[in-house]
């Protein structure tokens, strides 16, 4: 990881915006402004009312960040943003059991033992 990668990873952050009675989170990044010779905050995208986003939303934010910052941003870079949680998609969950085991009543259990 080069020096520019380390700067890039620490330069992205989330901040809470308060508008009227509502509050929501947005993703911002720090970018060097050559004309003014200082760092500027660049708005990347809307996160939502909580700091948890899906993996699909993280991909969208990575694409937007790549366009606005002019360098490639990956989903792993979005995962490294402090306080931001990327939730894996549902397809990666455990498979459901095929069938539930049949629960026998006491009479059925005793009847099966007598037949054996």
C-alpha atoms as a PDB file:
ATOM      1  CA  UNK A   1       0.000   0.000   0.000  1.00  0.00           C
ATOM      2  CA  UNK A   2       1.545   3.276  -1.130  1.00  0.00           C
ATOM      3  CA  UNK A   3       1.420   6.659   0.519  1.00  0.00           C
ATOM      4  CA  UNK A   4      -1.496   7.839  -1.626  1.00  0.00           C
ATOM      5  CA  UNK A   5      -3.538   4.781  -0.611  1.00  0.00           C
ATOM      6  CA  UNK A   6      -2.946   5.490   3.080  1.00  0.00           C
ATOM      7  CA  UNK A   7      -3.998   9.123   2.620  1.00  0.00           C
ATOM      8  CA  UNK A   8      -7.075   8.049   0.690  1.00  0.00           C
ATOM      9  CA  UNK A   9      -8.200   5.586   3.353  1.00  0.00           C
ATOM     10  CA  UNK A  10      -8.005   8.150   6.142  1.00  0.00           C
ATOM     11  CA  UNK A  11      -9.594  10.894   4.040  1.00  0.00           C
ATOM     12  CA  UNK A  12     -13.090   9.372   3.774  1.00  0.00           C
ATOM     13  CA  UNK A  13     -15.516   9.844   6.647  1.00  0.00           C
ATOM     14  CA  UNK A  14     -19.202   9.944   7.524  1.00  0.00           C
ATOM     15  CA  UNK A  15     -20.916  12.874   9.147  1.00  0.00           C
ATOM     16  CA  UNK A  16     -24.396  13.443  10.504  1.00  0.00           C
ATOM     17  CA  UNK A  17     -26.452  16.208   8.918  1.00  0.00           C
ATOM     18  CA  UNK A  18     -29.317  17.871  10.758  1.00  0.00           C
ATOM     19  CA  UNK A  19     -32.120  19.348   8.662  1.00  0.00           C
ATOM     20  CA  UNK A  20     -35.163  20.542  10.586  1.00  0.00           C
ATOM     21  CA  UNK A  21     -36.329  17.696  12.803  1.00  0.00           C
ATOM     22  CA  UNK A  22     -34.592  14.970  10.776  1.00  0.00           C
ATOM     23  CA  UNK A  23     -31.032  13.696  10.956  1.00  0.00           C
ATOM     24  CA  UNK A  24     -29.209  11.566   8.434  1.00  0.00           C
ATOM     25  CA  UNK A  25     -25.688  10.387   7.586  1.00  0.00           C
ATOM     26  CA  UNK A  26     -23.660  11.269   4.491  1.00  0.00           C
ATOM     27  CA  UNK A  27     -20.285  10.113   3.169  1.00  0.00           C
ATOM     28  CA  UNK A  28     -17.670  12.798   2.548  1.00  0.00           C
ATOM     29  CA  UNK A  29     -14.046  12.802   1.459  1.00  0.00           C
ATOM     30  CA  UNK A  30     -11.173  15.234   1.731  1.00  0.00           C
ATOM     31  CA  UNK A  31      -9.650  16.424  -1.539  1.00  0.00           C
ATOM     32  CA  UNK A  32      -6.703  18.765  -2.132  1.00  0.00           C
ATOM     33  CA  UNK A  33      -7.691  21.971  -3.942  1.00  0.00           C
ATOM     34  CA  UNK A  34      -4.708  23.111  -6.027  1.00  0.00           C
ATOM     35  CA  UNK A  35      -6.028  26.626  -6.621  1.00  0.00           C
ATOM     36  CA  UNK A  36      -6.723  27.464  -2.966  1.00  0.00           C
ATOM     37  CA  UNK A  37      -3.899  25.248  -1.685  1.00  0.00           C
ATOM     38  CA  UNK A  38      -5.986  23.664   1.050  1.00  0.00           C
ATOM     39  CA  UNK A  39      -8.079  20.576   1.711  1.00  0.00           C
ATOM     40  CA  UNK A  40     -11.741  20.679   0.699  1.00  0.00           C
ATOM     41  CA  UNK A  41     -14.566  18.390   1.794  1.00  0.00           C
ATOM     42  CA  UNK A  42     -16.342  16.711  -1.109  1.00  0.00           C
ATOM     43  CA  UNK A  43     -19.860  15.247  -0.752  1.00  0.00           C
ATOM     44  CA  UNK A  44     -19.898  11.639  -2.003  1.00  0.00           C
ATOM     45  CA  UNK A  45     -23.383  10.339  -1.231  1.00  0.00           C
ATOM     46  CA  UNK A  46     -26.328   9.800   1.085  1.00  0.00           C
ATOM     47  CA  UNK A  47     -26.081   6.882   3.547  1.00  0.00           C
ATOM     48  CA  UNK A  48     -29.383   7.051   5.440  1.00  0.00           C
ATOM     49  CA  UNK A  49     -30.706   7.475   8.959  1.00  0.00           C
ATOM     50  CA  UNK A  50     -28.478   4.677  10.315  1.00  0.00           C
ATOM     51  CA  UNK A  51     -24.784   3.940   9.758  1.00  0.00           C
ATOM     52  CA  UNK A  52     -25.487   0.503   8.245  1.00  0.00           C
ATOM     53  CA  UNK A  53     -25.608   0.018   4.482  1.00  0.00           C
ATOM     54  CA  UNK A  54     -25.979  -2.988   2.200  1.00  0.00           C
ATOM     55  CA  UNK A  55     -23.199  -4.248  -0.010  1.00  0.00           C
ATOM     56  CA  UNK A  56     -25.065  -2.982  -3.090  1.00  0.00           C
ATOM     57  CA  UNK A  57     -25.239   0.525  -1.603  1.00  0.00           C
ATOM     58  CA  UNK A  58     -21.502   0.315  -0.809  1.00  0.00           C
ATOM     59  CA  UNK A  59     -20.826  -0.501  -4.485  1.00  0.00           C
ATOM     60  CA  UNK A  60     -22.868   2.557  -5.548  1.00  0.00           C
ATOM     61  CA  UNK A  61     -20.964   4.788  -3.139  1.00  0.00           C
ATOM     62  CA  UNK A  62     -17.645   3.399  -4.405  1.00  0.00           C
ATOM     63  CA  UNK A  63     -18.603   4.270  -7.986  1.00  0.00           C
ATOM     64  CA  UNK A  64     -19.664   7.800  -6.984  1.00  0.00           C
ATOM     65  CA  UNK A  65     -16.467   8.294  -4.990  1.00  0.00           C
ATOM     66  CA  UNK A  66     -14.362   7.129  -7.949  1.00  0.00           C
ATOM     67  CA  UNK A  67     -16.035   9.698 -10.194  1.00  0.00           C
ATOM     68  CA  UNK A  68     -15.750  12.594  -7.750  1.00  0.00           C
ATOM     69  CA  UNK A  69     -12.215  11.897  -6.524  1.00  0.00           C
ATOM     70  CA  UNK A  70     -10.769  10.891  -9.883  1.00  0.00           C
ATOM     71  CA  UNK A  71      -9.153   7.667  -8.649  1.00  0.00           C
ATOM     72  CA  UNK A  72     -10.404   4.100  -8.205  1.00  0.00           C
ATOM     73  CA  UNK A  73     -12.300   3.404  -4.972  1.00  0.00           C
ATOM     74  CA  UNK A  74     -13.284  -0.155  -4.028  1.00  0.00           C
ATOM     75  CA  UNK A  75     -15.906  -1.569  -1.679  1.00  0.00           C
ATOM     76  CA  UNK A  76     -13.069  -2.491   0.707  1.00  0.00           C
ATOM     77  CA  UNK A  77     -12.173   1.202   0.923  1.00  0.00           C
ATOM     78  CA  UNK A  78     -15.796   1.954   1.852  1.00  0.00           C
ATOM     79  CA  UNK A  79     -15.655  -0.813   4.502  1.00  0.00           C
ATOM     80  CA  UNK A  80     -12.644   0.890   6.106  1.00  0.00           C
ATOM     81  CA  UNK A  81     -14.551   4.120   6.783  1.00  0.00           C
ATOM     82  CA  UNK A  82     -14.789   4.620  10.528  1.00  0.00           C
ATOM     83  CA  UNK A  83     -18.249   4.023  12.098  1.00  0.00           C
ATOM     84  CA  UNK A  84     -19.734   2.758   8.804  1.00  0.00           C
ATOM     85  CA  UNK A  85     -21.025  -0.843   8.752  1.00  0.00           C
ATOM     86  CA  UNK A  86     -21.452  -2.745   5.487  1.00  0.00           C
ATOM     87  CA  UNK A  87     -23.955  -5.585   5.867  1.00  0.00           C
ATOM     88  CA  UNK A  88     -23.384  -8.648   3.609  1.00  0.00           C
ATOM     89  CA  UNK A  89     -26.132  -9.584   1.184  1.00  0.00           C
ATOM     90  CA  UNK A  90     -28.770 -12.175   2.118  1.00  0.00           C
ATOM     91  CA  UNK A  91     -27.538 -14.708  -0.454  1.00  0.00           C
ATOM     92  CA  UNK A  92     -24.498 -15.412   1.704  1.00  0.00           C
ATOM     93  CA  UNK A  93     -26.593 -16.671   4.625  1.00  0.00           C
ATOM     94  CA  UNK A  94     -26.798 -20.330   5.690  1.00  0.00           C
ATOM     95  CA  UNK A  95     -29.124 -22.617   3.719  1.00  0.00           C
ATOM     96  CA  UNK A  96     -32.459 -23.551   5.251  1.00  0.00           C
ATOM     97  CA  UNK A  97     -32.903 -27.122   6.523  1.00  0.00           C
ATOM     98  CA  UNK A  98     -34.762 -29.340   4.056  1.00  0.00           C
ATOM     99  CA  UNK A  99     -37.437 -30.666   6.396  1.00  0.00           C
ATOM    100  CA  UNK A 100     -38.158 -30.442  10.077  1.00  0.00           C
ATOM    101  CA  UNK A 101     -37.999 -33.729  12.003  1.00  0.00           C
ATOM    102  CA  UNK A 102     -41.390 -35.187  12.794  1.00  0.00           C
ATOM    103  CA  UNK A 103     -42.322 -35.006  16.458  1.00  0.00           C
ATOM    104  CA  UNK A 104     -44.002 -38.208  17.647  1.00  0.00           C
ATOM    105  CA  UNK A 105     -46.587 -38.338  20.370  1.00  0.00           C
ATOM    106  CA  UNK A 106     -46.003 -40.765  23.220  1.00  0.00           C
ATOM    107  CA  UNK A 107     -48.624 -43.170  21.834  1.00  0.00           C
ATOM    108  CA  UNK A 108     -47.009 -43.178  18.359  1.00  0.00           C
ATOM    109  CA  UNK A 109     -43.568 -43.732  19.891  1.00  0.00           C
ATOM    110  CA  UNK A 110     -44.740 -46.686  21.994  1.00  0.00           C
ATOM    111  CA  UNK A 111     -46.616 -48.155  19.029  1.00  0.00           C
ATOM    112  CA  UNK A 112     -43.471 -48.035  16.856  1.00  0.00           C
ATOM    113  CA  UNK A 113     -41.455 -49.739  19.636  1.00  0.00           C
ATOM    114  CA  UNK A 114     -44.017 -52.565  19.924  1.00  0.00           C
ATOM    115  CA  UNK A 115     -44.003 -53.172  16.150  1.00  0.00           C
ATOM    116  CA  UNK A 116     -40.194 -53.505  16.129  1.00  0.00           C
END
